[in-house]
Amino acid sequence: MGFWDKLFGGKQKQNLEEKIMMKIGIILGSTREGRVSPQVGKWVKELADKRGDAEYEIIDIADFKLPFLGEPGADNTGVSAWSEKVNACDGFVFIVQEYNHSITGALKNALDLLREEWNNKAAGIVSYGSVGGARAAEHLRGILGELLVADVRVHPALSLFTDFENGNVFKPSEHQEKSVNDMLDQVIPWATALKTIR
């Protein structure tokens, strides 16, 4: 029995789902030249859109030209748009690359620039790297906890050796599709529940 059936069932379930369609931002966590996160993000969105259970949108932090937090004389014009975009989401899927055993500086900065906009929302993590981006994902979990973002357990971890060709052309293994759907099966009910306390 699914989440909605346990809580409501039948017609009430259908009505509630129609009223509170979740907005999930798929955040590309790298701004580096030659990044492959757009390929991964596009794949995740294609899988997610087939579900019909939320409104999914790719959010590229590179589009916002964000300043470094606290940098004197910085151009802060992109921060307002970044704030509005994050605030409009009910949950997130972070596309995370592992660099030097952690997340990118650009993603850490984008997280640090906001506070309340992140609070009481759910998130999934899709990571990649030589060991599936596992160390970056674990670092991100600690940061998300401080921002009151509830990250789900299922975590698609993509290997540069088996899910990419020559390290830069994304060709995911067949089992990864199930992993993404299992993750979203957790993100959507968590996002729905947390919306009630915002």
Protein backbone atom coordinates (compact mmCIF):
# COMPACT_ATOMS: atom_id res chain seq x y z
CA MET A 1 0.00 0.00 0.00
CA GLY A 2 1.43 3.37 -1.05
CA PHE A 3 1.82 6.59 0.90
CA TRP A 4 -1.41 8.20 -0.39
CA ASP A 5 -3.46 5.04 0.13
CA LYS A 6 -2.39 4.81 3.75
CA LEU A 7 -3.28 8.43 4.44
CA PHE A 8 -6.38 8.92 2.35
CA GLY A 9 -7.29 6.29 -0.25
CA GLY A 10 -9.67 6.49 -3.21
CA LYS A 11 -11.17 9.73 -4.43
CA GLN A 12 -9.71 11.83 -1.62
CA LYS A 13 -6.25 10.68 -2.65
CA GLN A 14 -6.82 11.79 -6.23
CA ASN A 15 -8.23 15.17 -5.19
CA LEU A 16 -5.35 15.87 -2.82
CA GLU A 17 -2.70 14.97 -5.40
CA GLU A 18 -4.32 17.35 -7.89
CA LYS A 19 -4.36 20.18 -5.34
CA ILE A 20 -0.76 19.88 -4.17
CA MET A 21 1.36 18.93 -7.18
CA MET A 22 4.89 19.18 -5.85
CA LYS A 23 7.55 21.32 -7.55
CA ILE A 24 10.90 19.56 -7.58
CA GLY A 25 14.05 21.37 -8.69
CA ILE A 26 16.80 19.26 -10.25
CA ILE A 27 19.87 21.27 -9.30
CA LEU A 28 23.01 20.96 -11.42
CA GLY A 29 25.82 21.14 -8.89
CA SER A 30 28.74 22.13 -11.12
CA THR A 31 29.61 25.20 -13.14
CA ARG A 32 32.95 23.91 -14.40
CA GLU A 33 33.92 23.85 -18.06
CA GLY A 34 33.44 20.37 -19.52
CA ARG A 35 30.96 19.36 -16.80
CA VAL A 36 28.67 16.41 -17.46
CA SER A 37 25.98 17.39 -14.97
CA PRO A 38 23.66 18.70 -17.74
CA GLN A 39 23.64 15.20 -19.28
CA VAL A 40 22.83 13.59 -15.93
CA GLY A 41 20.22 16.21 -15.06
CA LYS A 42 18.46 15.78 -18.41
CA TRP A 43 18.32 12.01 -17.89
CA VAL A 44 16.90 12.37 -14.38
CA LYS A 45 14.26 14.81 -15.62
CA GLU A 46 13.23 12.51 -18.47
CA LEU A 47 12.73 9.65 -16.01
CA ALA A 48 10.94 11.91 -13.52
CA ASP A 49 8.57 13.41 -16.08
CA LYS A 50 7.30 9.94 -16.97
CA ARG A 51 5.99 9.55 -13.42
CA GLY A 52 3.49 12.43 -13.58
CA ASP A 53 3.64 12.87 -9.79
CA ALA A 54 5.30 16.29 -9.65
CA GLU A 55 6.45 19.23 -11.72
CA TYR A 56 10.17 18.77 -12.34
CA GLU A 57 12.51 21.56 -13.48
CA ILE A 58 16.24 21.63 -14.14
CA ILE A 59 17.90 24.44 -12.21
CA ASP A 60 21.42 25.30 -13.34
CA ILE A 61 23.31 27.35 -10.77
CA ALA A 62 25.57 28.57 -13.59
CA ASP A 63 22.61 30.56 -14.95
CA PHE A 64 22.47 32.80 -11.87
CA LYS A 65 26.05 34.15 -11.87
CA LEU A 66 26.15 33.93 -8.09
CA PRO A 67 28.79 35.92 -6.17
CA PHE A 68 30.92 34.32 -3.49
CA LEU A 69 29.26 34.77 -0.11
CA GLY A 70 30.68 37.82 1.66
CA GLU A 71 32.88 38.89 -1.23
CA PRO A 72 33.33 42.69 -1.05
CA GLY A 73 31.99 44.65 -4.02
CA ALA A 74 30.35 41.55 -5.49
CA ASP A 75 27.53 41.72 -8.02
CA ASN A 76 24.56 40.38 -6.03
CA THR A 77 21.96 40.79 -8.77
CA GLY A 78 21.63 37.03 -9.30
CA VAL A 79 20.95 36.24 -5.64
CA SER A 80 17.36 37.50 -5.70
CA ALA A 81 16.46 35.31 -8.69
CA TRP A 82 18.24 32.34 -7.04
CA SER A 83 16.25 32.94 -3.85
CA GLU A 84 12.95 33.05 -5.73
CA LYS A 85 13.74 29.88 -7.68
CA VAL A 86 14.70 27.85 -4.62
CA ASN A 87 11.82 29.24 -2.55
CA ALA A 88 9.30 28.12 -5.20
CA CYS A 89 10.41 24.47 -4.92
CA ASP A 90 8.97 21.89 -2.53
CA GLY A 91 11.92 19.57 -2.92
CA PHE A 92 15.12 18.96 -4.82
CA VAL A 93 17.26 16.42 -6.60
CA PHE A 94 20.91 17.43 -6.39
CA ILE A 95 23.17 16.32 -9.24
CA VAL A 96 26.47 16.10 -7.39
CA GLN A 97 30.00 15.65 -8.71
CA GLU A 98 32.84 14.54 -6.47
CA TYR A 99 35.88 16.83 -6.62
CA ASN A 100 38.67 16.24 -4.09
CA HIS A 101 36.38 14.02 -1.99
CA SER A 102 33.62 16.64 -1.68
CA ILE A 103 31.07 18.77 -3.52
CA THR A 104 32.02 21.67 -5.78
CA GLY A 105 32.73 25.08 -4.34
CA ALA A 106 30.00 26.50 -6.59
CA LEU A 107 27.35 24.23 -5.03
CA LYS A 108 28.53 24.93 -1.48
CA ASN A 109 28.36 28.65 -2.19
CA ALA A 110 24.89 28.36 -3.75
CA LEU A 111 23.69 26.51 -0.66
CA ASP A 112 25.28 29.01 1.74
CA LEU A 113 23.81 32.08 0.02
CA LEU A 114 20.30 31.15 1.22
CA ARG A 115 18.81 29.93 4.47
CA GLU A 116 15.05 29.92 4.98
CA GLU A 117 14.38 29.12 1.32
CA TRP A 118 15.81 25.62 1.93
CA ASN A 119 14.06 24.94 5.23
CA ASN A 120 11.60 22.06 5.67
CA LYS A 121 11.95 20.59 2.21
CA ALA A 122 12.99 17.16 0.96
CA ALA A 123 15.89 16.20 -1.28
CA GLY A 124 17.36 13.31 -3.18
CA ILE A 125 20.96 13.05 -4.32
CA VAL A 126 22.30 11.68 -7.60
CA SER A 127 26.08 11.63 -7.47
CA TYR A 128 28.91 10.61 -9.75
CA GLY A 129 32.63 10.12 -9.57
CA SER A 130 35.33 7.46 -9.43
CA VAL A 131 33.55 5.83 -6.48
CA GLY A 132 30.09 6.95 -7.53
CA GLY A 133 30.49 10.34 -5.86
CA ALA A 134 29.80 8.71 -2.49
CA ARG A 135 32.07 11.01 -0.49
CA ALA A 136 30.58 14.14 -2.03
CA ALA A 137 27.08 12.85 -1.28
CA GLU A 138 27.98 12.25 2.37
CA HIS A 139 29.38 15.78 2.70
CA LEU A 140 26.23 17.17 1.10
CA ARG A 141 24.03 15.28 3.57
CA GLY A 142 25.68 17.08 6.48
CA ILE A 143 25.17 20.48 4.85
CA LEU A 144 21.53 19.74 4.01
CA GLY A 145 20.84 18.70 7.61
CA GLU A 146 22.05 22.10 8.81
CA LEU A 147 19.71 23.78 6.29
CA LEU A 148 16.73 21.71 7.53
CA VAL A 149 16.52 19.78 4.27
CA ALA A 150 15.47 16.15 4.78
CA ASP A 151 17.53 14.01 2.41
CA VAL A 152 16.20 10.57 1.52
CA ARG A 153 18.12 7.32 1.90
CA VAL A 154 18.04 5.99 -1.69
CA HIS A 155 20.98 7.44 -3.56
CA PRO A 156 21.76 6.72 -7.22
CA ALA A 157 25.57 6.64 -7.40
CA LEU A 158 26.98 6.79 -10.93
CA SER A 159 30.46 5.45 -11.67
CA LEU A 160 32.76 7.22 -14.09
CA PHE A 161 33.92 3.76 -15.16
CA THR A 162 30.61 1.99 -15.80
CA ASP A 163 28.06 4.79 -16.40
CA PHE A 164 30.16 7.06 -18.63
CA GLU A 165 32.06 6.49 -21.85
CA ASN A 166 35.56 8.00 -21.77
CA GLY A 167 34.55 9.73 -18.55
CA ASN A 168 32.49 12.39 -20.30
CA VAL A 169 29.65 10.79 -22.30
CA PHE A 170 26.85 9.69 -20.02
CA LYS A 171 25.61 6.16 -20.71
CA PRO A 172 23.96 4.92 -17.50
CA SER A 173 23.76 1.25 -16.65
CA GLU A 174 20.27 -0.21 -16.91
CA HIS A 175 19.81 -0.67 -13.15
CA GLN A 176 20.30 3.06 -12.50
CA GLU A 177 16.82 3.89 -13.80
CA LYS A 178 15.22 1.88 -10.98
CA SER A 179 17.48 3.60 -8.47
CA VAL A 180 16.28 7.05 -9.61
CA ASN A 181 12.63 6.00 -9.38
CA ASP A 182 13.17 4.46 -5.94
CA MET A 183 14.71 7.76 -4.81
CA LEU A 184 11.78 9.79 -6.15
CA ASP A 185 9.37 7.37 -4.45
CA GLN A 186 10.84 8.71 -1.20
CA VAL A 187 11.31 12.38 -2.18
CA ILE A 188 7.69 13.01 -3.21
CA PRO A 189 5.93 11.86 -0.01
CA TRP A 190 8.55 13.53 2.16
CA ALA A 191 8.17 16.79 0.22
CA THR A 192 4.40 16.51 0.54
CA ALA A 193 4.56 15.94 4.29
CA LEU A 194 7.03 18.76 4.90
CA LYS A 195 4.89 21.23 2.94
CA THR A 196 2.36 21.02 5.77
CA ILE A 197 4.77 22.63 8.24
CA ARG A 198 6.00 25.50 6.10
